[in-house]
């Protein structure tokens, strides 16, 4: 299994270091067939969330997220954090970014919907 996947927003691609769990293994298997594109929307002033269009195996636990975290929510939504929150999630990985401002700019934090592409 690879140790990272890629996330692309508005033509800019960043690596995402992934954890090894059933959800990431299923996601990598899907990405081996084709990249996945979805729309993500701001929620709560701390995240972008969008439907993955498929379900992944969840193993939720109480997590306090940090900026850059990529999380599976409800088995079928991907959450991209630009601030923190505490909830029951399945951790997928973390976006590698230079600074918090770079991450917020990349995710268009607070600026509405974005198109997100996940790929290997």
Protein backbone atom coordinates (compact mmCIF):
# COMPACT_ATOMS: atom_id res chain seq x y z
CA UNK A 1 0.00 0.00 0.00
CA UNK A 2 1.33 3.48 -0.82
CA UNK A 3 2.07 5.84 2.06
CA UNK A 4 0.37 8.78 0.35
CA UNK A 5 -2.31 9.83 -2.10
CA UNK A 6 -2.79 13.20 -3.81
CA UNK A 7 -5.43 15.87 -3.46
CA UNK A 8 -6.03 18.43 -6.20
CA UNK A 9 -8.03 21.65 -5.83
CA UNK A 10 -8.11 24.37 -8.53
CA UNK A 11 -5.18 22.84 -10.41
CA UNK A 12 -2.89 22.63 -7.36
CA UNK A 13 -1.93 19.19 -6.06
CA UNK A 14 -0.66 18.38 -2.57
CA UNK A 15 0.35 15.03 -1.06
CA UNK A 16 -1.71 13.41 1.69
CA UNK A 17 0.14 11.00 4.01
CA UNK A 18 -2.31 8.24 4.78
CA UNK A 19 -2.70 5.97 7.77
CA UNK A 20 -3.05 2.22 7.31
CA UNK A 21 -6.59 1.13 8.13
CA UNK A 22 -9.49 -0.60 6.37
CA UNK A 23 -10.89 2.72 5.11
CA UNK A 24 -7.63 3.85 3.48
CA UNK A 25 -7.02 0.40 2.00
CA UNK A 26 -10.50 0.53 0.39
CA UNK A 27 -9.89 4.10 -0.79
CA UNK A 28 -6.53 3.18 -2.35
CA UNK A 29 -8.14 0.18 -4.07
CA UNK A 30 -10.80 2.49 -5.57
CA UNK A 31 -8.13 5.03 -6.61
CA UNK A 32 -6.17 2.28 -8.40
CA UNK A 33 -9.15 2.02 -10.76
CA UNK A 34 -9.81 5.76 -11.17
CA UNK A 35 -9.37 9.10 -9.48
CA UNK A 36 -12.34 10.30 -7.41
CA UNK A 37 -13.77 13.81 -7.76
CA UNK A 38 -16.34 15.34 -5.43
CA UNK A 39 -17.64 18.74 -4.35
CA UNK A 40 -16.78 19.90 -0.83
CA UNK A 41 -18.56 22.70 1.04
CA UNK A 42 -17.62 24.77 4.07
CA UNK A 43 -19.16 23.63 7.34
CA UNK A 44 -18.87 25.15 10.79
CA UNK A 45 -16.02 27.50 9.91
CA UNK A 46 -13.42 24.73 10.36
CA UNK A 47 -13.85 22.20 7.53
CA UNK A 48 -14.84 21.37 3.97
CA UNK A 49 -17.03 18.29 3.63
CA UNK A 50 -18.27 16.37 0.61
CA UNK A 51 -19.83 13.07 -0.34
CA UNK A 52 -17.35 10.54 -1.62
CA UNK A 53 -20.05 8.85 -3.70
CA UNK A 54 -19.32 5.48 -2.11
CA UNK A 55 -18.98 3.97 1.34
CA UNK A 56 -15.73 3.00 3.00
CA UNK A 57 -15.35 0.81 6.10
CA UNK A 58 -15.52 3.11 9.12
CA UNK A 59 -13.78 2.56 12.45
CA UNK A 60 -14.89 5.69 14.27
CA UNK A 61 -13.30 6.92 17.46
CA UNK A 62 -13.36 10.23 19.30
CA UNK A 63 -10.77 12.45 17.59
CA UNK A 64 -9.70 16.04 18.00
CA UNK A 65 -8.73 17.01 14.48
CA UNK A 66 -6.06 19.47 13.43
CA UNK A 67 -5.69 21.59 10.31
CA UNK A 68 -4.79 19.39 7.34
CA UNK A 69 -6.51 16.26 8.64
CA UNK A 70 -8.41 14.19 6.07
CA UNK A 71 -11.22 12.31 7.80
CA UNK A 72 -13.97 9.86 6.88
CA UNK A 73 -17.32 10.91 8.32
CA UNK A 74 -20.43 8.73 8.36
CA UNK A 75 -18.69 6.16 6.16
CA UNK A 76 -19.20 8.10 2.93
CA UNK A 77 -18.13 11.73 3.40
CA UNK A 78 -14.64 13.15 3.27
CA UNK A 79 -13.84 16.02 5.62
CA UNK A 80 -10.87 18.31 4.98
CA UNK A 81 -10.01 20.33 8.08
CA UNK A 82 -8.56 23.85 8.10
CA UNK A 83 -9.12 24.20 11.86
CA UNK A 84 -9.90 21.72 14.64
CA UNK A 85 -12.97 19.91 15.91
CA UNK A 86 -13.69 16.99 18.21
CA UNK A 87 -16.07 14.27 17.03
CA UNK A 88 -16.26 10.56 16.25
CA UNK A 89 -14.43 10.02 12.96
CA UNK A 90 -12.23 7.60 11.04
CA UNK A 91 -8.82 9.12 10.32
CA UNK A 92 -7.59 8.78 6.72
CA UNK A 93 -4.52 11.00 6.63
CA UNK A 94 -3.06 14.48 6.64
CA UNK A 95 -2.49 16.99 3.85
CA UNK A 96 1.17 18.06 3.70
CA UNK A 97 1.27 21.85 3.55
CA UNK A 98 3.79 24.63 4.18
CA UNK A 99 1.74 26.90 6.47
CA UNK A 100 -1.78 27.23 7.84
CA UNK A 101 -2.39 30.17 5.50
CA UNK A 102 -1.28 28.03 2.52
CA UNK A 103 -3.69 25.28 3.58
CA UNK A 104 -6.59 27.71 3.99
CA UNK A 105 -5.84 29.21 0.59
CA UNK A 106 -5.57 25.73 -1.01
CA UNK A 107 -8.96 24.67 0.46
CA UNK A 108 -10.55 28.07 -0.26
CA UNK A 109 -11.56 28.19 3.42
CA UNK A 110 -14.80 30.10 3.90
CA UNK A 111 -15.11 30.85 0.17
CA UNK A 112 -17.77 28.30 -0.81
CA UNK A 113 -17.75 25.04 -2.71
CA UNK A 114 -14.63 23.50 -4.23
CA UNK A 115 -14.05 20.58 -6.56
CA UNK A 116 -11.69 18.02 -4.97
CA UNK A 117 -9.88 15.27 -6.85
CA UNK A 118 -8.23 12.37 -5.02
CA UNK A 119 -5.68 10.29 -6.92
CA UNK A 120 -2.65 8.04 -6.49
